[in-house]
């Protein structure tokens, strides 16, 4: 629940309101997997929270999660899901 609430706050600040500096995501809601802006945001967000670069398998899993959630709802919900997954990742807790 805490990770979901925090993810919601980050998305609200970084993607919806955009009236302050981004907390974690410097990306447009219209960016999609394969776009340089999207890929950079995914890689940078992972690195900032985990302290290491994501390998291709982890990035593919995050893209798959994002695409699934976006197809069911929208980009904001998709980013909330990705951020929530990052915050629940055991590597984040250890870091």
N, C-alpha and C. Protein backbone atom coordinates (compact mmCIF):
# COMPACT_ATOMS: atom_id res chain seq x y z
N UNK A 1 0.81 -1.20 0.00
CA UNK A 1 0.00 0.00 0.00
C UNK A 1 0.85 1.27 0.00
N UNK A 2 1.91 1.27 0.79
CA UNK A 2 2.77 2.44 0.84
C UNK A 2 3.41 2.69 -0.52
N UNK A 3 3.86 1.61 -1.16
CA UNK A 3 4.49 1.77 -2.48
C UNK A 3 3.49 2.30 -3.50
N UNK A 4 2.25 1.87 -3.41
CA UNK A 4 1.21 2.36 -4.33
C UNK A 4 0.93 3.84 -4.09
N UNK A 5 0.85 4.23 -2.83
CA UNK A 5 0.59 5.64 -2.51
C UNK A 5 1.75 6.52 -2.98
N UNK A 6 2.97 6.07 -2.75
CA UNK A 6 4.14 6.83 -3.18
C UNK A 6 4.20 6.91 -4.70
N UNK A 7 3.93 5.80 -5.37
CA UNK A 7 3.93 5.79 -6.83
C UNK A 7 2.88 6.76 -7.37
N UNK A 8 1.72 6.80 -6.75
CA UNK A 8 0.67 7.73 -7.16
C UNK A 8 1.14 9.18 -7.02
N UNK A 9 1.79 9.50 -5.90
CA UNK A 9 2.30 10.86 -5.68
C UNK A 9 3.35 11.24 -6.72
N UNK A 10 4.25 10.32 -7.01
CA UNK A 10 5.30 10.59 -8.00
C UNK A 10 4.69 10.86 -9.37
N UNK A 11 3.77 10.01 -9.78
CA UNK A 11 3.13 10.19 -11.10
C UNK A 11 2.34 11.49 -11.13
N UNK A 12 1.62 11.78 -10.08
CA UNK A 12 0.85 13.04 -10.02
C UNK A 12 1.79 14.24 -10.18
N UNK A 13 2.90 14.23 -9.47
CA UNK A 13 3.86 15.34 -9.53
C UNK A 13 4.59 15.38 -10.87
N UNK A 14 5.08 14.23 -11.33
CA UNK A 14 5.98 14.21 -12.48
C UNK A 14 5.27 14.19 -13.83
N UNK A 15 4.11 13.56 -13.91
CA UNK A 15 3.43 13.42 -15.21
C UNK A 15 2.18 14.26 -15.35
N UNK A 16 1.45 14.45 -14.27
CA UNK A 16 0.15 15.11 -14.37
C UNK A 16 0.29 16.61 -14.10
N UNK A 17 0.77 16.98 -12.94
CA UNK A 17 0.86 18.40 -12.56
C UNK A 17 1.96 19.13 -13.32
N UNK A 18 3.14 18.56 -13.31
CA UNK A 18 4.31 19.13 -14.00
C UNK A 18 4.59 20.58 -13.63
N UNK A 19 4.15 21.02 -12.44
CA UNK A 19 4.42 22.39 -12.04
C UNK A 19 5.63 22.50 -11.12
N UNK A 20 6.25 21.36 -10.82
CA UNK A 20 7.46 21.32 -9.99
C UNK A 20 8.49 20.45 -10.69
N UNK A 21 9.71 20.51 -10.17
CA UNK A 21 10.75 19.62 -10.69
C UNK A 21 10.31 18.17 -10.49
N UNK A 22 10.62 17.30 -11.45
CA UNK A 22 10.26 15.89 -11.29
C UNK A 22 10.95 15.25 -10.09
N UNK A 23 10.22 14.39 -9.42
CA UNK A 23 10.78 13.64 -8.30
C UNK A 23 11.63 12.49 -8.83
N UNK A 24 11.11 11.79 -9.83
CA UNK A 24 11.78 10.59 -10.34
C UNK A 24 11.72 10.50 -11.86
N UNK A 25 10.57 10.85 -12.45
CA UNK A 25 10.36 10.65 -13.88
C UNK A 25 10.36 11.97 -14.64
N UNK A 26 11.31 12.12 -15.52
CA UNK A 26 11.32 13.28 -16.41
C UNK A 26 10.93 12.76 -17.79
N UNK A 27 9.61 12.53 -17.95
CA UNK A 27 9.11 11.90 -19.17
C UNK A 27 7.71 12.43 -19.46
N UNK A 28 7.36 12.48 -20.72
CA UNK A 28 6.03 12.90 -21.13
C UNK A 28 5.06 11.72 -21.02
N UNK A 29 3.80 11.96 -20.64
CA UNK A 29 2.83 10.87 -20.60
C UNK A 29 2.60 10.22 -21.97
N UNK A 30 2.95 10.93 -23.04
CA UNK A 30 2.75 10.37 -24.38
C UNK A 30 3.91 9.49 -24.84
N UNK A 31 5.01 9.45 -24.09
CA UNK A 31 6.16 8.61 -24.45
C UNK A 31 5.79 7.14 -24.31
N UNK A 32 6.26 6.34 -25.26
CA UNK A 32 5.94 4.91 -25.29
C UNK A 32 7.23 4.09 -25.37
N UNK A 33 7.16 2.82 -24.98
CA UNK A 33 8.35 1.96 -25.09
C UNK A 33 8.94 2.03 -26.50
N UNK A 34 10.24 2.15 -26.54
CA UNK A 34 10.94 2.30 -27.81
C UNK A 34 11.29 3.74 -28.11
N UNK A 35 10.54 4.69 -27.52
CA UNK A 35 10.89 6.10 -27.66
C UNK A 35 12.12 6.37 -26.79
N UNK A 36 13.07 7.13 -27.28
CA UNK A 36 14.26 7.43 -26.46
C UNK A 36 13.90 8.03 -25.10
N UNK A 37 12.91 8.90 -25.06
CA UNK A 37 12.51 9.53 -23.80
C UNK A 37 11.99 8.48 -22.80
N UNK A 38 11.17 7.56 -23.28
CA UNK A 38 10.64 6.50 -22.42
C UNK A 38 11.76 5.60 -21.91
N UNK A 39 12.58 5.13 -22.84
CA UNK A 39 13.66 4.21 -22.47
C UNK A 39 14.61 4.85 -21.46
N UNK A 40 14.92 6.13 -21.67
CA UNK A 40 15.80 6.84 -20.74
C UNK A 40 15.16 6.95 -19.36
N UNK A 41 13.87 7.28 -19.31
CA UNK A 41 13.17 7.40 -18.03
C UNK A 41 13.14 6.06 -17.30
N UNK A 42 12.91 4.97 -18.02
CA UNK A 42 12.86 3.65 -17.40
C UNK A 42 14.24 3.26 -16.85
N UNK A 43 15.27 3.45 -17.64
CA UNK A 43 16.63 3.10 -17.22
C UNK A 43 17.11 3.99 -16.08
N UNK A 44 16.84 5.28 -16.18
CA UNK A 44 17.29 6.23 -15.15
C UNK A 44 16.54 6.02 -13.84
N UNK A 45 15.23 5.81 -13.92
CA UNK A 45 14.45 5.57 -12.71
C UNK A 45 14.92 4.32 -11.99
N UNK A 46 15.16 3.27 -12.74
CA UNK A 46 15.66 2.03 -12.15
C UNK A 46 16.99 2.28 -11.46
N UNK A 47 17.90 2.93 -12.16
CA UNK A 47 19.23 3.19 -11.60
C UNK A 47 19.15 4.04 -10.33
N UNK A 48 18.32 5.06 -10.34
CA UNK A 48 18.21 5.94 -9.17
C UNK A 48 17.69 5.20 -7.95
N UNK A 49 16.79 4.24 -8.14
CA UNK A 49 16.23 3.52 -7.00
C UNK A 49 17.02 2.28 -6.60
N UNK A 50 17.67 1.64 -7.56
CA UNK A 50 18.37 0.40 -7.26
C UNK A 50 19.87 0.58 -7.07
N UNK A 51 20.40 1.66 -7.61
CA UNK A 51 21.84 1.89 -7.49
C UNK A 51 22.66 1.04 -8.44
N UNK A 52 22.01 0.44 -9.42
CA UNK A 52 22.70 -0.35 -10.45
C UNK A 52 21.90 -0.28 -11.74
N UNK A 53 22.56 -0.56 -12.83
CA UNK A 53 21.90 -0.55 -14.13
C UNK A 53 21.07 -1.82 -14.28
N UNK A 54 19.91 -1.67 -14.89
CA UNK A 54 19.05 -2.83 -15.15
C UNK A 54 19.58 -3.62 -16.33
N UNK A 55 19.54 -4.95 -16.22
CA UNK A 55 19.91 -5.76 -17.37
C UNK A 55 18.72 -5.83 -18.33
N UNK A 56 18.94 -6.39 -19.49
CA UNK A 56 17.90 -6.40 -20.52
C UNK A 56 16.66 -7.19 -20.09
N UNK A 57 16.83 -8.25 -19.32
CA UNK A 57 15.67 -9.03 -18.86
C UNK A 57 14.78 -8.21 -17.94
N UNK A 58 15.39 -7.47 -17.05
CA UNK A 58 14.60 -6.65 -16.13
C UNK A 58 13.90 -5.53 -16.88
N UNK A 59 14.60 -4.91 -17.82
CA UNK A 59 13.97 -3.85 -18.61
C UNK A 59 12.81 -4.40 -19.42
N UNK A 60 12.99 -5.57 -20.02
CA UNK A 60 11.90 -6.18 -20.79
C UNK A 60 10.69 -6.46 -19.91
N UNK A 61 10.92 -6.95 -18.69
CA UNK A 61 9.83 -7.21 -17.76
C UNK A 61 9.09 -5.94 -17.38
N UNK A 62 9.83 -4.86 -17.15
CA UNK A 62 9.21 -3.59 -16.81
C UNK A 62 8.43 -3.01 -17.98
N UNK A 63 8.96 -3.16 -19.19
CA UNK A 63 8.23 -2.70 -20.37
C UNK A 63 6.95 -3.51 -20.54
N UNK A 64 7.03 -4.82 -20.34
CA UNK A 64 5.85 -5.67 -20.44
C UNK A 64 4.79 -5.26 -19.41
N UNK A 65 5.21 -5.00 -18.18
CA UNK A 65 4.29 -4.54 -17.14
C UNK A 65 3.66 -3.22 -17.57
N UNK A 66 4.48 -2.27 -18.03
CA UNK A 66 3.98 -0.97 -18.44
C UNK A 66 2.96 -1.12 -19.57
N UNK A 67 3.29 -1.92 -20.58
CA UNK A 67 2.39 -2.09 -21.72
C UNK A 67 1.07 -2.74 -21.32
N UNK A 68 1.13 -3.71 -20.42
CA UNK A 68 -0.10 -4.36 -19.96
C UNK A 68 -0.99 -3.37 -19.23
N UNK A 69 -0.41 -2.63 -18.30
CA UNK A 69 -1.21 -1.66 -17.54
C UNK A 69 -1.73 -0.53 -18.42
N UNK A 70 -0.92 -0.08 -19.36
CA UNK A 70 -1.35 0.99 -20.25
C UNK A 70 -2.50 0.53 -21.13
N UNK A 71 -2.47 -0.73 -21.56
CA UNK A 71 -3.55 -1.24 -22.41
C UNK A 71 -4.86 -1.36 -21.64
N UNK A 72 -4.76 -1.55 -20.33
CA UNK A 72 -5.96 -1.66 -19.50
C UNK A 72 -6.48 -0.31 -19.03
N UNK A 73 -5.58 0.65 -18.85
CA UNK A 73 -5.95 1.96 -18.30
C UNK A 73 -5.36 3.09 -19.13
N UNK A 74 -4.18 3.57 -18.70
CA UNK A 74 -3.51 4.68 -19.39
C UNK A 74 -2.05 4.74 -18.93
N UNK A 75 -1.31 5.70 -19.48
CA UNK A 75 0.12 5.80 -19.17
C UNK A 75 0.38 6.12 -17.71
N UNK A 76 -0.47 6.94 -17.11
CA UNK A 76 -0.27 7.28 -15.70
C UNK A 76 -0.36 6.04 -14.81
N UNK A 77 -1.36 5.21 -15.05
CA UNK A 77 -1.51 3.97 -14.28
C UNK A 77 -0.36 3.02 -14.56
N UNK A 78 0.10 3.00 -15.80
CA UNK A 78 1.23 2.13 -16.16
C UNK A 78 2.49 2.55 -15.40
N UNK A 79 2.77 3.85 -15.35
CA UNK A 79 3.94 4.31 -14.60
C UNK A 79 3.77 4.06 -13.11
N UNK A 80 2.56 4.20 -12.59
CA UNK A 80 2.32 3.89 -11.18
C UNK A 80 2.68 2.44 -10.89
N UNK A 81 2.30 1.55 -11.79
CA UNK A 81 2.62 0.13 -11.62
C UNK A 81 4.11 -0.14 -11.65
N UNK A 82 4.81 0.49 -12.57
CA UNK A 82 6.26 0.31 -12.67
C UNK A 82 6.95 0.84 -11.41
N UNK A 83 6.58 2.03 -10.97
CA UNK A 83 7.20 2.61 -9.78
C UNK A 83 6.90 1.76 -8.56
N UNK A 84 5.67 1.29 -8.44
CA UNK A 84 5.30 0.44 -7.31
C UNK A 84 6.14 -0.84 -7.32
N UNK A 85 6.35 -1.41 -8.50
CA UNK A 85 7.19 -2.62 -8.61
C UNK A 85 8.62 -2.31 -8.19
N UNK A 86 9.15 -1.17 -8.62
CA UNK A 86 10.50 -0.78 -8.20
C UNK A 86 10.59 -0.70 -6.69
N UNK A 87 9.61 -0.06 -6.07
CA UNK A 87 9.65 0.15 -4.62
C UNK A 87 9.47 -1.14 -3.82
N UNK A 88 8.93 -2.17 -4.45
CA UNK A 88 8.75 -3.46 -3.78
C UNK A 88 9.86 -4.45 -4.14
N UNK A 89 10.73 -4.06 -5.03
CA UNK A 89 11.82 -4.93 -5.46
C UNK A 89 12.79 -5.16 -4.30
N UNK A 90 13.19 -6.39 -4.04
CA UNK A 90 14.14 -6.66 -2.95
C UNK A 90 15.46 -5.90 -3.09
N UNK A 91 15.88 -5.61 -4.32
CA UNK A 91 17.11 -4.84 -4.50
C UNK A 91 16.95 -3.41 -4.00
N UNK A 92 15.76 -2.87 -4.08
CA UNK A 92 15.51 -1.52 -3.55
C UNK A 92 15.61 -1.54 -2.03
N UNK A 93 15.05 -2.53 -1.42
CA UNK A 93 15.08 -2.63 0.04
C UNK A 93 16.50 -2.78 0.53
N UNK A 94 17.30 -3.60 -0.14
CA UNK A 94 18.69 -3.80 0.25
C UNK A 94 19.49 -2.53 0.03
N UNK A 95 19.24 -1.86 -1.08
CA UNK A 95 20.00 -0.66 -1.39
C UNK A 95 19.68 0.40 -0.38
